[in-house]
Structure formats: structure tokens, C-alpha cells
Amino acid sequence: MVSSPTPGVFSASSLPGDAVELGRIQDPWGLKGWVHILPHSADTEALFASFQWFLQPPEARFARGFSAFTGCVVVTVAEIKVHADGVVARLEGVDDRNAAEALKGVRIFVPRSAFPATPEGEYYWVDLIGLDVVNREGVHLGVVRDLMPTGPTSVLVLEYTETVDGKTQIAERMIPFVSAYVDGVDLTARRITVDWQADY
């Protein structure tokens, strides 16, 4: 039998308008209610900076048998730390492994307004997703759909349309997100300018 978190500890809430989904609860960790977090990106600073998370039930593919709560709830993060190659956390009211097990698949949100400020020249991945990418000549190279960590640097994964044999199709190109290729990021204009050509 799987027990739920302590009744009344999770407060019903509305998801903030600027909420960003940062990850999901993957599994219990240990016996004392800790949970293993699967972040959506290598950018985990916002998870560590916010001591309140907004939780929503799992997506349909992870939701079978889920009954810990409905709608949106807000929880207090009692402890959080890096463990091996992941992140683990203890939430108030989740006191044993069974209660942690009941939260498998739960989606974690944090308001964008709660993110710590970044140093000049550094950006959160979530702020880069959806930006247009153009080169110095003004040629549109695509839209940022993802970022891929590759050791100490990241790679922009762009999506663009191309015509092959008279048919329009979606294609991808990748550009290293390093100063050698990235001239600038304008979040207001939602544009990244790069030193890159369409035929690279």
C-alpha cells in the first residue's frame, strides 16, 4: 500500500502566470521521504533558489494510479542538494518512502520572477527557448527549440523549415553557444545574432 503525503501539508494554489516547468519527481530517494528530481535542463539554479515549488499531477503517460492531489498545490522545500549526477530534495510533509513514492511523475514549477538574477552574458535556458536566430547578414537560421549540454559548453538546437524536392519539411541545425559564434542575445527583441552560415 502506498501512502500519500501528510493531509493538509500541500496547500491548494493556482499556477502563477509566469510559472516555468523545471522538472519532475522521478523516484523516492532513501527511506526518509526524499525524492529524486529529474530536471528538464542542466540549469538547476532556479530549483535551488526557490523554497516553494508549485506542483501539478503527472502528464497522462505517468499518471496511472496517481492520487496524491488534484489541481495545483504549493509545497515548501525543506532541503535540496546535488547527489551524484542528479538532484534530490525533501519536501515538508513527505516523511517516508511511501509518501515519496506517491509523488512519482509530479511536475515541478517555479515562477520566472523567483529566478535569481544572472551575471551579464549568462542566460537561463528557458529564456533562450523560442528565440529567433539570425546571422550577421540578417539571414534567419531558425528558432531555438532546445539546448544540449556538451561538457563545459552548450549547443543551441534550432528548428527551421526547408524545401526538398518541392516539399516543405522541418529540419534541425546546431550552433555552439559560445562567444566565438554568438555575437549577442537580445531578450527584448527575442533574437540571437550569430557568426554562422546557413550552409555550415
N, C-alpha and C. Protein backbone atom coordinates (compact mmCIF):
# COMPACT_ATOMS: atom_id res chain seq x y z
N MET A 1 0.85 -1.20 0.00
CA MET A 1 0.00 0.00 0.00
C MET A 1 0.88 1.24 0.00
N VAL A 2 0.54 2.22 -0.85
CA VAL A 2 1.31 3.46 -0.95
C VAL A 2 0.57 4.56 -0.22
N SER A 3 1.22 5.18 0.75
CA SER A 3 0.58 6.27 1.49
C SER A 3 0.82 7.59 0.79
N SER A 4 -0.08 8.54 1.02
CA SER A 4 0.05 9.87 0.44
C SER A 4 0.77 10.78 1.43
N PRO A 5 1.24 11.95 0.96
CA PRO A 5 1.82 12.93 1.88
C PRO A 5 0.83 13.30 2.97
N THR A 6 1.34 13.79 4.08
CA THR A 6 0.50 14.16 5.21
C THR A 6 -0.63 15.08 4.78
N PRO A 7 -1.89 14.73 5.06
CA PRO A 7 -3.03 15.56 4.65
C PRO A 7 -2.88 16.99 5.16
N GLY A 8 -3.22 17.96 4.28
CA GLY A 8 -3.23 19.35 4.68
C GLY A 8 -1.89 20.05 4.55
N VAL A 9 -0.81 19.30 4.31
CA VAL A 9 0.50 19.92 4.20
C VAL A 9 0.65 20.62 2.86
N PHE A 10 0.10 20.03 1.80
CA PHE A 10 0.13 20.65 0.49
C PHE A 10 -1.06 21.59 0.37
N SER A 11 -0.79 22.87 0.16
CA SER A 11 -1.85 23.86 0.07
C SER A 11 -2.29 24.02 -1.38
N ALA A 12 -3.61 24.03 -1.60
CA ALA A 12 -4.14 24.25 -2.94
C ALA A 12 -3.72 25.64 -3.41
N SER A 13 -3.43 25.75 -4.69
CA SER A 13 -2.94 27.01 -5.23
C SER A 13 -3.30 27.11 -6.70
N SER A 14 -3.10 28.29 -7.25
CA SER A 14 -3.19 28.49 -8.69
C SER A 14 -1.78 28.59 -9.24
N LEU A 15 -1.58 28.08 -10.42
CA LEU A 15 -0.26 28.16 -11.04
C LEU A 15 0.01 29.60 -11.45
N PRO A 16 1.12 30.21 -11.00
CA PRO A 16 1.42 31.59 -11.38
C PRO A 16 1.50 31.75 -12.90
N GLY A 17 1.15 32.93 -13.36
CA GLY A 17 1.16 33.17 -14.80
C GLY A 17 2.53 33.05 -15.43
N ASP A 18 3.58 33.29 -14.64
CA ASP A 18 4.94 33.20 -15.19
C ASP A 18 5.64 31.91 -14.79
N ALA A 19 4.85 30.90 -14.39
CA ALA A 19 5.44 29.64 -13.93
C ALA A 19 6.18 28.94 -15.06
N VAL A 20 7.32 28.38 -14.71
CA VAL A 20 8.15 27.63 -15.66
C VAL A 20 8.31 26.21 -15.13
N GLU A 21 8.04 25.23 -15.97
CA GLU A 21 8.23 23.84 -15.56
C GLU A 21 9.71 23.51 -15.60
N LEU A 22 10.27 23.14 -14.44
CA LEU A 22 11.71 22.91 -14.34
C LEU A 22 12.08 21.44 -14.25
N GLY A 23 11.12 20.57 -13.98
CA GLY A 23 11.46 19.16 -13.86
C GLY A 23 10.30 18.37 -13.32
N ARG A 24 10.58 17.12 -12.96
CA ARG A 24 9.55 16.29 -12.36
C ARG A 24 10.17 15.37 -11.32
N ILE A 25 9.33 14.88 -10.43
CA ILE A 25 9.79 13.94 -9.42
C ILE A 25 9.87 12.56 -10.06
N GLN A 26 11.05 11.97 -10.00
CA GLN A 26 11.27 10.71 -10.71
C GLN A 26 11.03 9.50 -9.82
N ASP A 27 11.62 9.51 -8.62
CA ASP A 27 11.56 8.34 -7.75
C ASP A 27 11.77 8.78 -6.30
N PRO A 28 11.43 7.91 -5.35
CA PRO A 28 11.85 8.14 -3.97
C PRO A 28 13.37 8.00 -3.88
N TRP A 29 13.96 8.65 -2.88
CA TRP A 29 15.40 8.51 -2.65
C TRP A 29 15.60 8.26 -1.16
N GLY A 30 16.03 7.08 -0.83
CA GLY A 30 16.20 6.74 0.58
C GLY A 30 14.88 6.39 1.23
N LEU A 31 14.89 6.36 2.56
CA LEU A 31 13.73 5.91 3.33
C LEU A 31 13.00 7.03 4.07
N LYS A 32 13.54 8.25 4.04
CA LYS A 32 13.02 9.32 4.89
C LYS A 32 12.23 10.39 4.13
N GLY A 33 11.68 10.02 2.98
CA GLY A 33 10.80 10.95 2.27
C GLY A 33 11.47 11.80 1.21
N TRP A 34 12.77 11.63 1.01
CA TRP A 34 13.44 12.39 -0.04
C TRP A 34 12.97 11.90 -1.41
N VAL A 35 13.03 12.81 -2.39
CA VAL A 35 12.66 12.45 -3.76
C VAL A 35 13.80 12.80 -4.70
N HIS A 36 13.92 12.00 -5.75
CA HIS A 36 14.90 12.27 -6.79
C HIS A 36 14.23 13.10 -7.88
N ILE A 37 14.86 14.23 -8.23
CA ILE A 37 14.30 15.16 -9.21
C ILE A 37 14.98 14.95 -10.56
N LEU A 38 14.18 14.91 -11.61
CA LEU A 38 14.71 14.88 -12.97
C LEU A 38 14.53 16.27 -13.58
N PRO A 39 15.58 17.11 -13.58
CA PRO A 39 15.46 18.46 -14.14
C PRO A 39 15.28 18.39 -15.66
N HIS A 40 14.60 19.38 -16.21
CA HIS A 40 14.41 19.43 -17.66
C HIS A 40 15.64 19.97 -18.37
N SER A 41 16.55 20.59 -17.65
CA SER A 41 17.77 21.09 -18.27
C SER A 41 18.91 21.03 -17.26
N ALA A 42 20.11 21.32 -17.74
CA ALA A 42 21.27 21.34 -16.86
C ALA A 42 21.27 22.57 -15.96
N ASP A 43 20.36 23.51 -16.25
CA ASP A 43 20.23 24.75 -15.49
C ASP A 43 19.38 24.48 -14.25
N THR A 44 19.98 24.18 -13.12
CA THR A 44 19.19 23.82 -11.93
C THR A 44 19.18 24.92 -10.86
N GLU A 45 19.77 26.06 -11.17
CA GLU A 45 19.90 27.11 -10.15
C GLU A 45 18.55 27.56 -9.61
N ALA A 46 17.55 27.66 -10.48
CA ALA A 46 16.23 28.13 -10.03
C ALA A 46 15.58 27.13 -9.08
N LEU A 47 15.82 25.84 -9.29
CA LEU A 47 15.30 24.83 -8.37
C LEU A 47 15.87 25.03 -6.97
N PHE A 48 17.16 25.36 -6.91
CA PHE A 48 17.83 25.53 -5.62
C PHE A 48 17.48 26.86 -4.97
N ALA A 49 17.14 27.86 -5.76
CA ALA A 49 16.92 29.20 -5.21
C ALA A 49 15.52 29.38 -4.62
N SER A 50 14.57 28.59 -5.07
CA SER A 50 13.19 28.76 -4.62
C SER A 50 12.85 27.72 -3.56
N PHE A 51 12.34 28.18 -2.42
CA PHE A 51 11.97 27.26 -1.35
C PHE A 51 10.48 26.94 -1.37
N GLN A 52 9.80 27.41 -2.41
CA GLN A 52 8.43 26.99 -2.65
C GLN A 52 8.31 26.52 -4.09
N TRP A 53 7.79 25.32 -4.25
CA TRP A 53 7.54 24.79 -5.58
C TRP A 53 6.05 24.63 -5.78
N PHE A 54 5.62 24.86 -7.00
CA PHE A 54 4.24 24.59 -7.38
C PHE A 54 4.23 23.24 -8.10
N LEU A 55 3.36 22.36 -7.65
CA LEU A 55 3.31 21.02 -8.20
C LEU A 55 2.00 20.78 -8.92
N GLN A 56 2.08 20.06 -10.03
CA GLN A 56 0.89 19.61 -10.73
C GLN A 56 0.99 18.10 -10.95
N PRO A 57 -0.16 17.43 -11.08
CA PRO A 57 -0.13 15.98 -11.29
C PRO A 57 0.68 15.61 -12.54
N PRO A 58 1.09 14.36 -12.63
CA PRO A 58 1.90 13.92 -13.77
C PRO A 58 1.15 14.07 -15.10
N GLU A 59 1.93 14.12 -16.18
CA GLU A 59 1.34 14.03 -17.51
C GLU A 59 0.66 12.67 -17.62
N ALA A 60 -0.25 12.55 -18.58
CA ALA A 60 -1.07 11.35 -18.69
C ALA A 60 -0.25 10.06 -18.73
N ARG A 61 0.89 10.08 -19.41
CA ARG A 61 1.67 8.84 -19.55
C ARG A 61 2.30 8.40 -18.24
N PHE A 62 2.39 9.31 -17.25
CA PHE A 62 2.96 8.96 -15.94
C PHE A 62 1.89 8.92 -14.84
N ALA A 63 0.63 9.13 -15.20
CA ALA A 63 -0.39 9.40 -14.18
C ALA A 63 -1.15 8.18 -13.68
N ARG A 64 -0.89 7.01 -14.22
CA ARG A 64 -1.67 5.83 -13.82
C ARG A 64 -1.55 5.58 -12.30
N GLY A 65 -2.69 5.56 -11.65
CA GLY A 65 -2.72 5.29 -10.22
C GLY A 65 -2.39 6.47 -9.34
N PHE A 66 -2.15 7.65 -9.93
CA PHE A 66 -1.77 8.82 -9.13
C PHE A 66 -2.98 9.37 -8.39
N SER A 67 -2.85 9.61 -7.08
CA SER A 67 -3.98 10.14 -6.30
C SER A 67 -3.54 11.04 -5.15
N ALA A 68 -2.28 11.50 -5.17
CA ALA A 68 -1.76 12.29 -4.05
C ALA A 68 -2.48 13.63 -3.91
N PHE A 69 -2.84 14.24 -5.04
CA PHE A 69 -3.56 15.52 -5.01
C PHE A 69 -4.13 15.78 -6.40
N THR A 70 -4.98 16.79 -6.50
CA THR A 70 -5.52 17.22 -7.79
C THR A 70 -5.22 18.70 -7.97
N GLY A 71 -5.30 19.17 -9.21
CA GLY A 71 -5.08 20.58 -9.47
C GLY A 71 -3.64 20.97 -9.25
N CYS A 72 -3.44 22.13 -8.63
CA CYS A 72 -2.10 22.65 -8.36
C CYS A 72 -1.95 22.85 -6.85
N VAL A 73 -0.81 22.46 -6.32
CA VAL A 73 -0.52 22.68 -4.91
C VAL A 73 0.84 23.35 -4.78
N VAL A 74 1.05 24.03 -3.66
CA VAL A 74 2.34 24.65 -3.38
C VAL A 74 2.95 23.93 -2.18
N VAL A 75 4.25 23.65 -2.26
CA VAL A 75 4.93 22.93 -1.19
C VAL A 75 6.19 23.69 -0.79
N THR A 76 6.63 23.44 0.42
CA THR A 76 7.86 24.03 0.92
C THR A 76 8.99 23.02 0.78
N VAL A 77 10.10 23.49 0.23
CA VAL A 77 11.28 22.65 0.06
C VAL A 77 12.11 22.76 1.34
N ALA A 78 12.19 21.66 2.09
CA ALA A 78 12.94 21.67 3.35
C ALA A 78 14.43 21.57 3.12
N GLU A 79 14.83 20.73 2.17
CA GLU A 79 16.25 20.54 1.83
C GLU A 79 16.36 20.16 0.37
N ILE A 80 17.46 20.55 -0.25
CA ILE A 80 17.74 20.16 -1.63
C ILE A 80 19.24 20.10 -1.81
N LYS A 81 19.71 19.14 -2.57
CA LYS A 81 21.15 19.01 -2.79
C LYS A 81 21.42 18.21 -4.05
N VAL A 82 22.64 18.37 -4.54
CA VAL A 82 23.11 17.57 -5.67
C VAL A 82 23.57 16.23 -5.13
N HIS A 83 23.18 15.16 -5.82
CA HIS A 83 23.63 13.83 -5.45
C HIS A 83 24.02 13.10 -6.71
N ALA A 84 25.30 12.68 -6.77
CA ALA A 84 25.82 12.02 -7.97
C ALA A 84 25.57 12.93 -9.17
N ASP A 85 24.84 12.44 -10.17
CA ASP A 85 24.59 13.26 -11.36
C ASP A 85 23.16 13.82 -11.37
N GLY A 86 22.52 13.86 -10.20
CA GLY A 86 21.15 14.34 -10.15
C GLY A 86 20.90 15.27 -8.98
N VAL A 87 19.63 15.54 -8.72
CA VAL A 87 19.20 16.43 -7.65
C VAL A 87 18.21 15.67 -6.77
N VAL A 88 18.37 15.79 -5.46
CA VAL A 88 17.42 15.18 -4.53
C VAL A 88 16.90 16.26 -3.59
N ALA A 89 15.66 16.08 -3.12
CA ALA A 89 15.04 17.10 -2.27
C ALA A 89 14.13 16.44 -1.24
N ARG A 90 13.95 17.16 -0.14
CA ARG A 90 12.99 16.73 0.89
C ARG A 90 11.93 17.81 1.01
N LEU A 91 10.68 17.42 0.83
CA LEU A 91 9.56 18.35 0.89
C LEU A 91 8.85 18.21 2.23
N GLU A 92 8.45 19.34 2.80
CA GLU A 92 7.75 19.30 4.08
C GLU A 92 6.46 18.49 3.93
N GLY A 93 6.23 17.59 4.89
CA GLY A 93 5.03 16.76 4.86
C GLY A 93 5.22 15.43 4.17
N VAL A 94 6.37 15.25 3.52
CA VAL A 94 6.68 13.97 2.88
C VAL A 94 7.73 13.31 3.76
N ASP A 95 7.29 12.39 4.62
CA ASP A 95 8.14 11.93 5.71
C ASP A 95 8.68 10.52 5.57
N ASP A 96 8.21 9.78 4.58
CA ASP A 96 8.73 8.42 4.43
C ASP A 96 8.74 8.03 2.96
N ARG A 97 9.30 6.88 2.68
CA ARG A 97 9.46 6.43 1.30
C ARG A 97 8.11 6.24 0.60
N ASN A 98 7.12 5.74 1.34
CA ASN A 98 5.81 5.54 0.73
C ASN A 98 5.19 6.86 0.26
N ALA A 99 5.32 7.89 1.10
CA ALA A 99 4.79 9.20 0.73
C ALA A 99 5.53 9.76 -0.49
N ALA A 100 6.84 9.53 -0.54
CA ALA A 100 7.62 9.98 -1.69
C ALA A 100 7.22 9.21 -2.95
N GLU A 101 6.99 7.93 -2.79
CA GLU A 101 6.57 7.08 -3.92
C GLU A 101 5.27 7.60 -4.54
N ALA A 102 4.39 8.14 -3.70
CA ALA A 102 3.09 8.64 -4.17
C ALA A 102 3.23 9.85 -5.08
N LEU A 103 4.41 10.47 -5.10
CA LEU A 103 4.62 11.69 -5.89
C LEU A 103 5.34 11.44 -7.20
N LYS A 104 5.57 10.19 -7.55
CA LYS A 104 6.28 9.89 -8.80
C LYS A 104 5.58 10.54 -10.00
N GLY A 105 6.37 11.21 -10.82
CA GLY A 105 5.85 11.83 -12.02
C GLY A 105 5.33 13.24 -11.85
N VAL A 106 5.23 13.73 -10.60
CA VAL A 106 4.70 15.08 -10.36
C VAL A 106 5.57 16.13 -11.03
N ARG A 107 4.93 17.10 -11.64
CA ARG A 107 5.63 18.17 -12.37
C ARG A 107 5.92 19.34 -11.43
N ILE A 108 7.13 19.90 -11.55
CA ILE A 108 7.60 20.96 -10.65
C ILE A 108 7.68 22.28 -11.42
N PHE A 109 7.05 23.31 -10.86
CA PHE A 109 7.07 24.64 -11.47
C PHE A 109 7.61 25.67 -10.47
N VAL A 110 8.29 26.68 -11.00
CA VAL A 110 8.77 27.81 -10.21
C VAL A 110 8.46 29.08 -11.01
N PRO A 111 7.96 30.14 -10.37
CA PRO A 111 7.72 31.39 -11.12
C PRO A 111 9.03 31.95 -11.68
N ARG A 112 8.98 32.42 -12.90
CA ARG A 112 10.17 33.02 -13.51
C ARG A 112 10.65 34.20 -12.69
N SER A 113 9.74 34.92 -12.06
CA SER A 113 10.11 36.08 -11.24
C SER A 113 10.91 35.70 -10.01
N ALA A 114 10.90 34.41 -9.65
CA ALA A 114 11.65 33.95 -8.47
C ALA A 114 13.06 33.49 -8.83
N PHE A 115 13.38 33.46 -10.12
CA PHE A 115 14.72 33.03 -10.53
C PHE A 115 15.76 34.05 -10.05
N PRO A 116 16.92 33.62 -9.59
CA PRO A 116 17.99 34.56 -9.25
C PRO A 116 18.46 35.31 -10.50
N ALA A 117 18.93 36.53 -10.29
CA ALA A 117 19.48 37.29 -11.41
C ALA A 117 20.74 36.60 -11.92
N THR A 118 20.97 36.70 -13.22
CA THR A 118 22.16 36.09 -13.81
C THR A 118 23.22 37.16 -14.06
N PRO A 119 24.49 36.78 -14.00
CA PRO A 119 25.55 37.73 -14.36
C PRO A 119 25.43 38.13 -15.83
N GLU A 120 25.99 39.27 -16.17
CA GLU A 120 25.94 39.74 -17.55
C GLU A 120 26.55 38.69 -18.47
N GLY A 121 25.86 38.42 -19.55
CA GLY A 121 26.35 37.45 -20.52
C GLY A 121 25.94 36.02 -20.24
N GLU A 122 25.21 35.80 -19.14
CA GLU A 122 24.70 34.46 -18.84
C GLU A 122 23.18 34.48 -18.89
N TYR A 123 22.62 33.34 -19.29
CA TYR A 123 21.17 33.28 -19.51
C TYR A 123 20.62 31.95 -19.01
N TYR A 124 19.36 31.99 -18.59
CA TYR A 124 18.67 30.74 -18.30
C TYR A 124 18.24 30.10 -19.61
N TRP A 125 18.32 28.80 -19.66
CA TRP A 125 17.90 28.10 -20.87
C TRP A 125 16.48 28.46 -21.27
N VAL A 126 15.60 28.55 -20.27
CA VAL A 126 14.19 28.80 -20.57
C VAL A 126 14.01 30.13 -21.29
N ASP A 127 14.90 31.10 -21.06
CA ASP A 127 14.80 32.40 -21.71
C ASP A 127 15.26 32.36 -23.16
N LEU A 128 16.02 31.32 -23.52
CA LEU A 128 16.53 31.22 -24.89
C LEU A 128 15.60 30.42 -25.79
N ILE A 129 14.79 29.56 -25.20
CA ILE A 129 13.87 28.75 -25.99
C ILE A 129 12.87 29.66 -26.70
N GLY A 130 12.71 29.45 -28.00
CA GLY A 130 11.76 30.23 -28.79
C GLY A 130 12.34 31.47 -29.43
N LEU A 131 13.61 31.80 -29.13
CA LEU A 131 14.22 32.98 -29.74
C LEU A 131 14.60 32.70 -31.20
N ASP A 132 14.44 33.73 -32.03
CA ASP A 132 14.89 33.64 -33.42
C ASP A 132 16.41 33.77 -33.46
N VAL A 133 17.02 33.05 -34.38
CA VAL A 133 18.47 33.13 -34.56
C VAL A 133 18.75 33.62 -35.97
N VAL A 134 19.51 34.72 -36.07
CA VAL A 134 19.89 35.28 -37.36
C VAL A 134 21.40 35.44 -37.40
N ASN A 135 21.96 35.42 -38.61
CA ASN A 135 23.40 35.64 -38.70
C ASN A 135 23.70 37.11 -38.97
N ARG A 136 24.97 37.44 -39.13
CA ARG A 136 25.38 38.84 -39.28
C ARG A 136 24.79 39.47 -40.53
N GLU A 137 24.48 38.63 -41.52
CA GLU A 137 23.90 39.14 -42.76
C GLU A 137 22.38 39.26 -42.68
N GLY A 138 21.82 38.91 -41.54
CA GLY A 138 20.37 39.01 -41.36
C GLY A 138 19.59 37.81 -41.83
N VAL A 139 20.29 36.74 -42.20
CA VAL A 139 19.61 35.52 -42.65
C VAL A 139 19.05 34.78 -41.43
N HIS A 140 17.77 34.44 -41.51
CA HIS A 140 17.12 33.72 -40.41
C HIS A 140 17.53 32.25 -40.47
N LEU A 141 18.13 31.76 -39.39
CA LEU A 141 18.65 30.39 -39.36
C LEU A 141 17.73 29.42 -38.65
N GLY A 142 16.76 29.93 -37.91
CA GLY A 142 15.84 29.05 -37.22
C GLY A 142 15.41 29.61 -35.88
N VAL A 143 14.69 28.79 -35.14
CA VAL A 143 14.18 29.13 -33.81
C VAL A 143 14.75 28.14 -32.81
N VAL A 144 15.19 28.64 -31.66
CA VAL A 144 15.76 27.77 -30.64
C VAL A 144 14.65 26.88 -30.06
N ARG A 145 14.83 25.57 -30.20
CA ARG A 145 13.87 24.61 -29.67
C ARG A 145 14.41 23.86 -28.46
N ASP A 146 15.74 23.85 -28.32
CA ASP A 146 16.34 23.13 -27.20
C ASP A 146 17.77 23.58 -27.04
N LEU A 147 18.36 23.25 -25.90
CA LEU A 147 19.79 23.42 -25.68
C LEU A 147 20.34 22.09 -25.22
N MET A 148 21.51 21.75 -25.72
CA MET A 148 22.09 20.46 -25.41
C MET A 148 23.43 20.67 -24.72
N PRO A 149 23.56 20.18 -23.48
CA PRO A 149 24.84 20.32 -22.79
C PRO A 149 25.89 19.42 -23.42
N THR A 150 27.07 19.96 -23.63
CA THR A 150 28.19 19.17 -24.17
C THR A 150 29.43 19.51 -23.36
N GLY A 151 29.51 18.97 -22.17
CA GLY A 151 30.64 19.28 -21.30
C GLY A 151 30.52 20.69 -20.77
N PRO A 152 31.58 21.50 -20.92
CA PRO A 152 31.57 22.84 -20.34
C PRO A 152 30.72 23.85 -21.11
N THR A 153 30.29 23.51 -22.31
CA THR A 153 29.50 24.44 -23.12
C THR A 153 28.16 23.81 -23.47
N SER A 154 27.32 24.61 -24.12
CA SER A 154 26.02 24.13 -24.58
C SER A 154 25.89 24.38 -26.07
N VAL A 155 24.98 23.67 -26.69
CA VAL A 155 24.73 23.80 -28.12
C VAL A 155 23.28 24.21 -28.32
N LEU A 156 23.06 25.25 -29.12
CA LEU A 156 21.71 25.64 -29.50
C LEU A 156 21.18 24.66 -30.53
N VAL A 157 20.00 24.14 -30.29
CA VAL A 157 19.35 23.27 -31.27
C VAL A 157 18.24 24.09 -31.92
N LEU A 158 18.43 24.38 -33.21
CA LEU A 158 17.48 25.22 -33.94
C LEU A 158 16.56 24.37 -34.80
N GLU A 159 15.35 24.85 -34.97
CA GLU A 159 14.39 24.23 -35.88
C GLU A 159 14.07 25.24 -36.98
N TYR A 160 14.08 24.77 -38.22
CA TYR A 160 13.76 25.65 -39.34
C TYR A 160 13.07 24.82 -40.42
N THR A 161 12.48 25.50 -41.39
CA THR A 161 11.83 24.80 -42.50
C THR A 161 12.71 24.87 -43.73
N GLU A 162 12.71 23.79 -44.49
CA GLU A 162 13.44 23.77 -45.75
C GLU A 162 12.59 23.04 -46.78
N THR A 163 12.88 23.29 -48.04
CA THR A 163 12.15 22.65 -49.13
C THR A 163 13.05 21.65 -49.82
N VAL A 164 12.62 20.41 -49.86
CA VAL A 164 13.36 19.33 -50.51
C VAL A 164 12.44 18.64 -51.50
N ASP A 165 12.86 18.62 -52.77
CA ASP A 165 12.05 18.01 -53.83
C ASP A 165 10.63 18.58 -53.85
N GLY A 166 10.55 19.89 -53.63
CA GLY A 166 9.26 20.56 -53.68
C GLY A 166 8.41 20.41 -52.44
N LYS A 167 8.94 19.72 -51.43
CA LYS A 167 8.18 19.51 -50.21
C LYS A 167 8.82 20.27 -49.05
N THR A 168 7.99 20.94 -48.27
CA THR A 168 8.48 21.66 -47.10
C THR A 168 8.56 20.71 -45.92
N GLN A 169 9.70 20.74 -45.24
CA GLN A 169 9.88 19.87 -44.09
C GLN A 169 10.61 20.60 -42.97
N ILE A 170 10.48 20.06 -41.76
CA ILE A 170 11.17 20.63 -40.60
C ILE A 170 12.56 20.03 -40.51
N ALA A 171 13.55 20.88 -40.29
CA ALA A 171 14.93 20.42 -40.15
C ALA A 171 15.56 21.04 -38.91
N GLU A 172 16.70 20.50 -38.52
CA GLU A 172 17.43 20.99 -37.35
C GLU A 172 18.83 21.40 -37.75
N ARG A 173 19.34 22.41 -37.04
CA ARG A 173 20.77 22.71 -37.13
C ARG A 173 21.25 23.04 -35.72
N MET A 174 22.53 22.83 -35.49
CA MET A 174 23.10 23.06 -34.16
C MET A 174 24.22 24.07 -34.24
N ILE A 175 24.22 24.99 -33.27
CA ILE A 175 25.25 26.03 -33.21
C ILE A 175 25.79 26.07 -31.78
N PRO A 176 27.10 25.95 -31.60
CA PRO A 176 27.66 26.05 -30.24
C PRO A 176 27.34 27.40 -29.62
N PHE A 177 26.89 27.38 -28.37
CA PHE A 177 26.55 28.62 -27.68
C PHE A 177 27.79 29.14 -26.96
N VAL A 178 28.73 29.63 -27.76
CA VAL A 178 30.00 30.16 -27.25
C VAL A 178 30.27 31.48 -27.94
N SER A 179 31.10 32.31 -27.32
CA SER A 179 31.34 33.66 -27.83
C SER A 179 31.98 33.67 -29.21
N ALA A 180 32.65 32.60 -29.59
CA ALA A 180 33.26 32.53 -30.91
C ALA A 180 32.21 32.58 -32.02
N TYR A 181 31.00 32.15 -31.72
CA TYR A 181 29.94 32.10 -32.73
C TYR A 181 28.73 32.98 -32.39
N VAL A 182 28.53 33.28 -31.11
CA VAL A 182 27.36 34.06 -30.70
C VAL A 182 27.78 35.51 -30.49
N ASP A 183 27.25 36.40 -31.32
CA ASP A 183 27.57 37.82 -31.21
C ASP A 183 26.79 38.51 -30.10
N GLY A 184 25.55 38.09 -29.90
CA GLY A 184 24.75 38.75 -28.88
C GLY A 184 23.39 38.11 -28.72
N VAL A 185 22.80 38.34 -27.54
CA VAL A 185 21.45 37.86 -27.22
C VAL A 185 20.62 39.06 -26.81
N ASP A 186 19.52 39.28 -27.50
CA ASP A 186 18.61 40.38 -27.18
C ASP A 186 17.29 39.76 -26.73
N LEU A 187 17.10 39.67 -25.41
CA LEU A 187 15.89 39.04 -24.89
C LEU A 187 14.65 39.87 -25.19
N THR A 188 14.81 41.19 -25.23
CA THR A 188 13.66 42.06 -25.52
C THR A 188 13.17 41.85 -26.94
N ALA A 189 14.11 41.79 -27.88
CA ALA A 189 13.75 41.57 -29.28
C ALA A 189 13.56 40.09 -29.59
N ARG A 190 13.87 39.23 -28.62
CA ARG A 190 13.77 37.78 -28.77
C ARG A 190 14.58 37.29 -29.97
N ARG A 191 15.87 37.69 -29.96
CA ARG A 191 16.73 37.38 -31.10
C ARG A 191 18.15 37.10 -30.64
N ILE A 192 18.77 36.12 -31.26
CA ILE A 192 20.19 35.81 -31.06
C ILE A 192 20.90 36.03 -32.39
N THR A 193 21.99 36.80 -32.36
CA THR A 193 22.78 37.04 -33.56
C THR A 193 24.05 36.21 -33.50
N VAL A 194 24.34 35.51 -34.60
CA VAL A 194 25.47 34.58 -34.61
C VAL A 194 26.35 34.79 -35.84
N ASP A 195 27.59 34.36 -35.72
CA ASP A 195 28.52 34.32 -36.85
C ASP A 195 28.47 32.90 -37.41
N TRP A 196 27.50 32.66 -38.28
CA TRP A 196 27.22 31.31 -38.77
C TRP A 196 26.51 31.42 -40.11
N GLN A 197 26.73 30.47 -40.97
CA GLN A 197 26.09 30.48 -42.28
C GLN A 197 25.10 29.33 -42.41
N ALA A 198 24.11 29.54 -43.27
CA ALA A 198 23.06 28.54 -43.42
C ALA A 198 23.57 27.23 -44.00
N ASP A 199 24.70 27.27 -44.71
CA ASP A 199 25.20 26.05 -45.34
C ASP A 199 26.30 25.36 -44.52
N TYR A 200 26.51 25.79 -43.29
CA TYR A 200 27.50 25.12 -42.45
C TYR A 200 26.99 23.74 -42.06
